[in-house]
N, C-alpha and C. Protein backbone atom coordinates (compact mmCIF):
# COMPACT_ATOMS: atom_id res chain seq x y z
N MET A 1 48.33 -102.77 -60.13
CA MET A 1 47.78 -102.83 -61.45
C MET A 1 47.42 -101.41 -61.89
N VAL A 2 47.85 -101.04 -63.09
CA VAL A 2 47.49 -99.75 -63.66
C VAL A 2 46.10 -99.88 -64.28
N ASN A 3 45.18 -98.99 -63.87
CA ASN A 3 43.80 -99.05 -64.31
C ASN A 3 43.45 -98.06 -65.41
N SER A 4 44.24 -96.99 -65.53
CA SER A 4 43.91 -95.95 -66.49
C SER A 4 45.17 -95.17 -66.86
N VAL A 5 45.25 -94.77 -68.13
CA VAL A 5 46.38 -93.97 -68.62
C VAL A 5 45.82 -92.90 -69.55
N ALA A 6 46.38 -91.69 -69.46
CA ALA A 6 46.00 -90.59 -70.35
C ALA A 6 47.25 -89.89 -70.82
N VAL A 7 47.21 -89.37 -72.04
CA VAL A 7 48.32 -88.61 -72.62
C VAL A 7 47.85 -87.19 -72.84
N SER A 8 48.68 -86.22 -72.47
CA SER A 8 48.31 -84.81 -72.65
C SER A 8 48.27 -84.47 -74.14
N LEU A 9 47.43 -83.49 -74.49
CA LEU A 9 47.30 -83.08 -75.89
C LEU A 9 48.58 -82.47 -76.45
N ASP A 10 49.42 -81.92 -75.56
CA ASP A 10 50.69 -81.35 -76.03
C ASP A 10 51.79 -82.40 -76.10
N ASN A 11 51.44 -83.66 -75.81
CA ASN A 11 52.38 -84.78 -75.86
C ASN A 11 53.57 -84.62 -74.93
N ARG A 12 53.39 -83.89 -73.83
CA ARG A 12 54.48 -83.71 -72.88
C ARG A 12 54.38 -84.63 -71.68
N HIS A 13 53.15 -85.09 -71.36
CA HIS A 13 52.97 -85.88 -70.15
C HIS A 13 52.08 -87.10 -70.36
N VAL A 14 52.33 -88.10 -69.54
CA VAL A 14 51.47 -89.27 -69.42
C VAL A 14 51.05 -89.32 -67.96
N VAL A 15 49.78 -89.62 -67.73
CA VAL A 15 49.27 -89.75 -66.37
C VAL A 15 48.73 -91.16 -66.22
N SER A 16 49.03 -91.80 -65.11
CA SER A 16 48.53 -93.15 -64.85
C SER A 16 47.85 -93.19 -63.49
N GLY A 17 46.81 -94.03 -63.41
CA GLY A 17 46.10 -94.25 -62.15
C GLY A 17 46.15 -95.73 -61.83
N SER A 18 46.37 -96.08 -60.57
CA SER A 18 46.69 -97.45 -60.24
C SER A 18 45.97 -97.96 -58.99
N SER A 19 45.97 -99.28 -58.87
CA SER A 19 45.43 -99.93 -57.68
C SER A 19 46.30 -99.69 -56.45
N ASP A 20 47.50 -99.15 -56.63
CA ASP A 20 48.35 -98.83 -55.48
C ASP A 20 47.98 -97.49 -54.85
N LYS A 21 46.82 -96.93 -55.27
CA LYS A 21 46.25 -95.70 -54.72
C LYS A 21 46.94 -94.44 -55.21
N THR A 22 47.72 -94.53 -56.29
CA THR A 22 48.45 -93.37 -56.76
C THR A 22 48.01 -92.94 -58.16
N VAL A 23 48.22 -91.64 -58.38
CA VAL A 23 48.17 -91.04 -59.70
C VAL A 23 49.60 -90.58 -59.95
N ARG A 24 50.14 -90.96 -61.09
CA ARG A 24 51.52 -90.58 -61.38
C ARG A 24 51.56 -89.77 -62.67
N ILE A 25 52.33 -88.68 -62.63
CA ILE A 25 52.52 -87.83 -63.80
C ILE A 25 53.94 -88.05 -64.28
N TRP A 26 54.05 -88.44 -65.55
CA TRP A 26 55.33 -88.80 -66.15
C TRP A 26 55.66 -87.82 -67.27
N ASN A 27 56.95 -87.55 -67.45
CA ASN A 27 57.43 -86.78 -68.59
C ASN A 27 57.51 -87.73 -69.78
N LEU A 28 56.78 -87.45 -70.84
CA LEU A 28 56.73 -88.34 -71.99
C LEU A 28 58.06 -88.42 -72.72
N SER A 29 58.81 -87.32 -72.77
CA SER A 29 60.09 -87.32 -73.49
C SER A 29 61.18 -88.10 -72.78
N THR A 30 61.24 -87.93 -71.45
CA THR A 30 62.33 -88.55 -70.70
C THR A 30 61.93 -89.86 -70.03
N GLY A 31 60.60 -90.06 -69.85
CA GLY A 31 60.14 -91.24 -69.13
C GLY A 31 60.26 -91.11 -67.62
N GLU A 32 60.67 -89.94 -67.15
CA GLU A 32 60.86 -89.74 -65.71
C GLU A 32 59.55 -89.36 -65.03
N GLU A 33 59.39 -89.85 -63.82
CA GLU A 33 58.23 -89.54 -63.01
C GLU A 33 58.40 -88.14 -62.42
N GLU A 34 57.39 -87.28 -62.61
CA GLU A 34 57.46 -85.92 -62.10
C GLU A 34 56.71 -85.74 -60.78
N HIS A 35 55.55 -86.43 -60.64
CA HIS A 35 54.75 -86.29 -59.43
C HIS A 35 54.07 -87.61 -59.10
N VAL A 36 53.94 -87.87 -57.81
CA VAL A 36 53.14 -89.00 -57.31
C VAL A 36 52.06 -88.40 -56.43
N LEU A 37 50.80 -88.62 -56.81
CA LEU A 37 49.65 -88.05 -56.13
C LEU A 37 48.90 -89.18 -55.44
N GLN A 38 48.37 -88.93 -54.26
CA GLN A 38 47.84 -90.01 -53.43
C GLN A 38 46.34 -89.93 -53.21
N HIS A 39 45.65 -91.04 -53.45
CA HIS A 39 44.26 -91.26 -53.03
C HIS A 39 44.30 -92.20 -51.83
N SER A 40 43.16 -92.40 -51.17
CA SER A 40 43.11 -93.33 -50.04
C SER A 40 42.67 -94.73 -50.47
N HIS A 41 42.24 -94.89 -51.73
CA HIS A 41 41.84 -96.19 -52.27
C HIS A 41 42.26 -96.27 -53.73
N TYR A 42 41.87 -97.35 -54.37
CA TYR A 42 42.22 -97.58 -55.78
C TYR A 42 41.84 -96.40 -56.66
N VAL A 43 42.67 -96.11 -57.64
CA VAL A 43 42.36 -95.10 -58.65
C VAL A 43 41.89 -95.83 -59.90
N GLY A 44 40.66 -95.57 -60.31
CA GLY A 44 40.07 -96.27 -61.44
C GLY A 44 40.18 -95.53 -62.74
N SER A 45 40.34 -94.19 -62.70
CA SER A 45 40.32 -93.42 -63.93
C SER A 45 41.10 -92.12 -63.76
N VAL A 46 41.78 -91.71 -64.83
CA VAL A 46 42.48 -90.42 -64.86
C VAL A 46 42.21 -89.75 -66.21
N ALA A 47 42.29 -88.42 -66.21
CA ALA A 47 42.18 -87.65 -67.45
C ALA A 47 43.00 -86.38 -67.29
N ILE A 48 43.42 -85.83 -68.41
CA ILE A 48 44.17 -84.58 -68.44
C ILE A 48 43.32 -83.54 -69.15
N SER A 49 43.26 -82.33 -68.61
CA SER A 49 42.47 -81.28 -69.24
C SER A 49 43.03 -80.94 -70.61
N PRO A 50 42.17 -80.51 -71.54
CA PRO A 50 42.64 -80.15 -72.88
C PRO A 50 43.71 -79.06 -72.90
N ASP A 51 43.70 -78.17 -71.88
CA ASP A 51 44.75 -77.15 -71.81
C ASP A 51 46.00 -77.64 -71.09
N ASN A 52 46.00 -78.91 -70.69
CA ASN A 52 47.15 -79.57 -70.06
C ASN A 52 47.51 -79.03 -68.67
N CYS A 53 46.62 -78.26 -68.06
CA CYS A 53 46.91 -77.64 -66.77
C CYS A 53 46.48 -78.46 -65.57
N ARG A 54 45.49 -79.34 -65.75
CA ARG A 54 44.95 -80.10 -64.62
C ARG A 54 44.86 -81.58 -64.96
N VAL A 55 44.87 -82.35 -63.89
CA VAL A 55 44.63 -83.79 -63.96
C VAL A 55 43.43 -84.06 -63.07
N VAL A 56 42.55 -84.95 -63.50
CA VAL A 56 41.43 -85.37 -62.67
C VAL A 56 41.53 -86.87 -62.48
N SER A 57 41.14 -87.32 -61.29
CA SER A 57 41.18 -88.75 -60.99
C SER A 57 39.90 -89.16 -60.26
N GLY A 58 39.48 -90.39 -60.51
CA GLY A 58 38.33 -90.97 -59.83
C GLY A 58 38.76 -92.23 -59.10
N SER A 59 38.18 -92.47 -57.93
CA SER A 59 38.70 -93.53 -57.07
C SER A 59 37.59 -94.33 -56.40
N SER A 60 37.99 -95.49 -55.89
CA SER A 60 37.07 -96.31 -55.09
C SER A 60 36.86 -95.71 -53.71
N ASP A 61 37.48 -94.57 -53.40
CA ASP A 61 37.17 -93.84 -52.17
C ASP A 61 35.96 -92.92 -52.38
N ASN A 62 35.30 -93.07 -53.55
CA ASN A 62 34.08 -92.34 -53.91
C ASN A 62 34.32 -90.87 -54.22
N THR A 63 35.57 -90.48 -54.42
CA THR A 63 35.87 -89.08 -54.70
C THR A 63 36.40 -88.89 -56.11
N VAL A 64 36.26 -87.65 -56.56
CA VAL A 64 36.93 -87.14 -57.75
C VAL A 64 37.91 -86.10 -57.22
N ARG A 65 39.14 -86.15 -57.71
CA ARG A 65 40.13 -85.17 -57.25
C ARG A 65 40.70 -84.43 -58.45
N ILE A 66 40.88 -83.13 -58.26
CA ILE A 66 41.48 -82.28 -59.29
C ILE A 66 42.86 -81.87 -58.81
N TRP A 67 43.85 -82.06 -59.67
CA TRP A 67 45.24 -81.80 -59.34
C TRP A 67 45.83 -80.78 -60.31
N ASN A 68 46.76 -79.97 -59.85
CA ASN A 68 47.53 -79.09 -60.72
C ASN A 68 48.58 -79.95 -61.41
N ALA A 69 48.57 -80.00 -62.73
CA ALA A 69 49.48 -80.87 -63.48
C ALA A 69 50.94 -80.44 -63.35
N SER A 70 51.19 -79.16 -63.18
CA SER A 70 52.57 -78.66 -63.09
C SER A 70 53.20 -78.91 -61.73
N THR A 71 52.41 -78.68 -60.67
CA THR A 71 52.97 -78.76 -59.32
C THR A 71 52.63 -80.07 -58.61
N GLY A 72 51.58 -80.75 -59.06
CA GLY A 72 51.12 -81.95 -58.38
C GLY A 72 50.26 -81.66 -57.17
N GLU A 73 49.97 -80.40 -56.91
CA GLU A 73 49.15 -80.02 -55.76
C GLU A 73 47.69 -80.37 -56.00
N GLU A 74 47.03 -80.86 -54.95
CA GLU A 74 45.61 -81.14 -55.00
C GLU A 74 44.84 -79.83 -54.92
N GLU A 75 43.97 -79.58 -55.92
CA GLU A 75 43.19 -78.34 -55.94
C GLU A 75 41.82 -78.53 -55.28
N HIS A 76 41.17 -79.66 -55.55
CA HIS A 76 39.83 -79.91 -55.01
C HIS A 76 39.61 -81.40 -54.81
N VAL A 77 38.85 -81.73 -53.77
CA VAL A 77 38.33 -83.08 -53.58
C VAL A 77 36.82 -82.97 -53.73
N LEU A 78 36.26 -83.69 -54.70
CA LEU A 78 34.84 -83.59 -55.01
C LEU A 78 34.08 -84.76 -54.38
N HIS A 79 33.16 -84.43 -53.50
CA HIS A 79 32.34 -85.43 -52.81
C HIS A 79 30.93 -85.36 -53.37
N GLY A 80 30.28 -86.49 -53.51
CA GLY A 80 28.92 -86.54 -53.99
C GLY A 80 28.52 -87.94 -54.40
N HIS A 81 29.47 -88.67 -54.96
CA HIS A 81 29.18 -90.06 -55.33
C HIS A 81 29.09 -90.91 -54.06
N PHE A 82 28.27 -91.95 -54.14
CA PHE A 82 28.08 -92.86 -53.01
C PHE A 82 28.75 -94.21 -53.22
N ASP A 83 29.47 -94.34 -54.33
CA ASP A 83 30.16 -95.58 -54.63
C ASP A 83 31.35 -95.23 -55.52
N TRP A 84 32.12 -96.23 -55.89
CA TRP A 84 33.34 -96.09 -56.65
C TRP A 84 33.14 -95.21 -57.88
N VAL A 85 34.01 -94.21 -58.04
CA VAL A 85 34.03 -93.39 -59.25
C VAL A 85 34.91 -94.12 -60.24
N PHE A 86 34.27 -94.62 -61.29
CA PHE A 86 34.95 -95.52 -62.21
C PHE A 86 35.50 -94.83 -63.45
N SER A 87 34.99 -93.64 -63.77
CA SER A 87 35.44 -92.97 -64.98
C SER A 87 35.31 -91.46 -64.84
N VAL A 88 36.29 -90.72 -65.37
CA VAL A 88 36.30 -89.26 -65.34
C VAL A 88 36.74 -88.71 -66.68
N ALA A 89 36.27 -87.50 -67.00
CA ALA A 89 36.67 -86.83 -68.25
C ALA A 89 36.51 -85.33 -68.08
N PHE A 90 37.29 -84.57 -68.85
CA PHE A 90 37.15 -83.12 -68.93
C PHE A 90 36.30 -82.77 -70.14
N SER A 91 35.59 -81.66 -70.06
CA SER A 91 34.91 -81.13 -71.24
C SER A 91 35.95 -80.49 -72.15
N PRO A 92 35.66 -80.39 -73.45
CA PRO A 92 36.64 -79.80 -74.38
C PRO A 92 37.03 -78.37 -74.06
N ASP A 93 36.16 -77.62 -73.35
CA ASP A 93 36.46 -76.23 -73.02
C ASP A 93 37.14 -76.07 -71.66
N ASN A 94 37.52 -77.18 -71.01
CA ASN A 94 38.20 -77.18 -69.71
C ASN A 94 37.33 -76.74 -68.54
N ARG A 95 36.07 -76.43 -68.78
CA ARG A 95 35.23 -75.84 -67.74
C ARG A 95 34.52 -76.87 -66.85
N HIS A 96 34.36 -78.09 -67.35
CA HIS A 96 33.61 -79.09 -66.60
C HIS A 96 34.34 -80.42 -66.53
N ILE A 97 34.01 -81.15 -65.49
CA ILE A 97 34.46 -82.53 -65.33
C ILE A 97 33.21 -83.38 -65.25
N VAL A 98 33.25 -84.53 -65.90
CA VAL A 98 32.15 -85.48 -65.87
C VAL A 98 32.67 -86.74 -65.19
N SER A 99 31.86 -87.32 -64.31
CA SER A 99 32.26 -88.55 -63.63
C SER A 99 31.13 -89.57 -63.68
N GLY A 100 31.52 -90.82 -63.82
CA GLY A 100 30.57 -91.93 -63.80
C GLY A 100 30.92 -92.86 -62.66
N SER A 101 29.88 -93.43 -62.03
CA SER A 101 30.11 -94.17 -60.79
C SER A 101 29.28 -95.45 -60.72
N PHE A 102 29.71 -96.31 -59.81
CA PHE A 102 28.94 -97.51 -59.48
C PHE A 102 27.66 -97.15 -58.73
N ASP A 103 27.46 -95.88 -58.38
CA ASP A 103 26.20 -95.46 -57.76
C ASP A 103 25.12 -95.18 -58.82
N ASN A 104 25.40 -95.54 -60.09
CA ASN A 104 24.47 -95.44 -61.21
C ASN A 104 24.24 -94.01 -61.69
N THR A 105 25.09 -93.07 -61.29
CA THR A 105 24.91 -91.68 -61.71
C THR A 105 26.08 -91.18 -62.54
N VAL A 106 25.79 -90.13 -63.30
CA VAL A 106 26.79 -89.31 -63.96
C VAL A 106 26.69 -87.95 -63.29
N ARG A 107 27.81 -87.40 -62.90
CA ARG A 107 27.81 -86.08 -62.26
C ARG A 107 28.66 -85.12 -63.06
N ILE A 108 28.20 -83.88 -63.11
CA ILE A 108 28.91 -82.83 -63.82
C ILE A 108 29.36 -81.81 -62.79
N TRP A 109 30.65 -81.50 -62.83
CA TRP A 109 31.28 -80.65 -61.84
C TRP A 109 31.89 -79.42 -62.52
N ASN A 110 31.96 -78.32 -61.81
CA ASN A 110 32.68 -77.14 -62.27
C ASN A 110 34.16 -77.40 -62.02
N ALA A 111 34.97 -77.38 -63.06
CA ALA A 111 36.39 -77.72 -62.93
C ALA A 111 37.18 -76.67 -62.16
N SER A 112 36.73 -75.43 -62.14
CA SER A 112 37.45 -74.38 -61.42
C SER A 112 37.15 -74.37 -59.93
N THR A 113 35.86 -74.56 -59.58
CA THR A 113 35.46 -74.45 -58.18
C THR A 113 35.30 -75.80 -57.48
N GLY A 114 35.11 -76.87 -58.27
CA GLY A 114 34.86 -78.18 -57.71
C GLY A 114 33.41 -78.39 -57.30
N GLU A 115 32.55 -77.42 -57.58
CA GLU A 115 31.14 -77.53 -57.22
C GLU A 115 30.41 -78.48 -58.15
N GLU A 116 29.52 -79.29 -57.56
CA GLU A 116 28.68 -80.17 -58.36
C GLU A 116 27.59 -79.33 -59.00
N GLU A 117 27.43 -79.46 -60.33
CA GLU A 117 26.43 -78.67 -61.05
C GLU A 117 25.19 -79.49 -61.40
N HIS A 118 25.38 -80.76 -61.73
CA HIS A 118 24.24 -81.60 -62.12
C HIS A 118 24.49 -83.05 -61.71
N VAL A 119 23.41 -83.74 -61.37
CA VAL A 119 23.44 -85.19 -61.16
C VAL A 119 22.48 -85.79 -62.16
N LEU A 120 23.00 -86.66 -63.01
CA LEU A 120 22.18 -87.31 -64.03
C LEU A 120 21.83 -88.70 -63.55
N ARG A 121 20.55 -88.91 -63.29
CA ARG A 121 20.07 -90.19 -62.78
C ARG A 121 19.23 -90.88 -63.85
N GLY A 122 19.09 -92.18 -63.73
CA GLY A 122 18.25 -92.92 -64.65
C GLY A 122 18.83 -94.26 -65.03
N HIS A 123 20.15 -94.40 -64.89
CA HIS A 123 20.76 -95.69 -65.19
C HIS A 123 20.38 -96.69 -64.11
N SER A 124 20.18 -97.93 -64.51
CA SER A 124 19.82 -98.98 -63.55
C SER A 124 21.02 -99.78 -63.07
N SER A 125 22.19 -99.44 -63.58
CA SER A 125 23.41 -100.09 -63.11
C SER A 125 24.58 -99.11 -63.24
N ALA A 126 25.75 -99.57 -62.89
CA ALA A 126 26.94 -98.73 -62.81
C ALA A 126 27.26 -98.04 -64.13
N VAL A 127 27.78 -96.82 -64.02
CA VAL A 127 28.30 -96.08 -65.18
C VAL A 127 29.81 -96.28 -65.18
N THR A 128 30.29 -97.06 -66.14
CA THR A 128 31.70 -97.45 -66.13
C THR A 128 32.56 -96.68 -67.12
N SER A 129 31.95 -95.82 -67.93
CA SER A 129 32.76 -95.07 -68.89
C SER A 129 32.10 -93.75 -69.23
N VAL A 130 32.86 -92.68 -69.15
CA VAL A 130 32.46 -91.37 -69.66
C VAL A 130 33.61 -90.87 -70.51
N THR A 131 33.31 -90.07 -71.48
CA THR A 131 34.36 -89.51 -72.33
C THR A 131 33.91 -88.17 -72.85
N SER A 132 34.84 -87.42 -73.36
CA SER A 132 34.54 -86.12 -73.93
C SER A 132 35.32 -85.99 -75.22
N PRO A 133 34.64 -85.59 -76.30
CA PRO A 133 35.37 -85.42 -77.56
C PRO A 133 36.31 -84.23 -77.46
N ILE A 134 37.46 -84.37 -78.04
CA ILE A 134 38.42 -83.27 -78.11
C ILE A 134 38.47 -82.82 -79.56
N TYR A 135 38.06 -81.59 -79.78
CA TYR A 135 38.05 -81.07 -81.14
C TYR A 135 39.35 -80.31 -81.38
N ARG A 136 39.98 -80.61 -82.48
CA ARG A 136 41.22 -79.93 -82.84
C ARG A 136 40.97 -79.11 -84.11
N THR A 137 41.54 -77.94 -84.15
CA THR A 137 41.45 -77.17 -85.38
C THR A 137 42.67 -77.45 -86.21
N ARG A 138 42.52 -77.32 -87.48
CA ARG A 138 43.62 -77.63 -88.39
C ARG A 138 43.94 -76.39 -89.21
N SER A 139 45.20 -76.07 -89.31
CA SER A 139 45.63 -74.94 -90.15
C SER A 139 45.62 -75.37 -91.60
N LEU A 140 45.23 -74.45 -92.45
CA LEU A 140 45.22 -74.76 -93.89
C LEU A 140 46.52 -74.37 -94.53
C-alpha cells in the first residue's frame, strides 16, 4: 500500500513511500522508476525539498531518513523518535526538516547535518501530520 506521495516543485519527479518498506523516486515525464530506497519498516511519509535536491522519509522504524534525490544515496538517518514517524516536511528554505510521530512529539532537524535542533512536546496524542508552506514568487 502506498502511504504517501510528493511531487517536486520543478515537476520532474514523484516520490512515493509504501508499506513495502520502500521509497521510490520516479521520473514524472517518462513514468520510469529512477531509485528504490530502503527502510527496515513501513514508510508513512515522504517529502521533497523545495530545491529538489533531497528526499526525506519517515517510517515505523522510528527514523527519519534524508536521501540525495539525484543519486538515491542515504545522507543521514535521524534517530530521536520513540515511535512511528508518521509525517515529514521540509522548511521552505531547505534548512530544516520537521517530523511528527506517534510518540506525541514534533521534532525539528537540521537538514544538512541531520542534528536534532528542537523537540516540541505538549500533545497528548500522536502527531499525524506536519506540513510546510511553499512560497513561490511570481514574475510581473
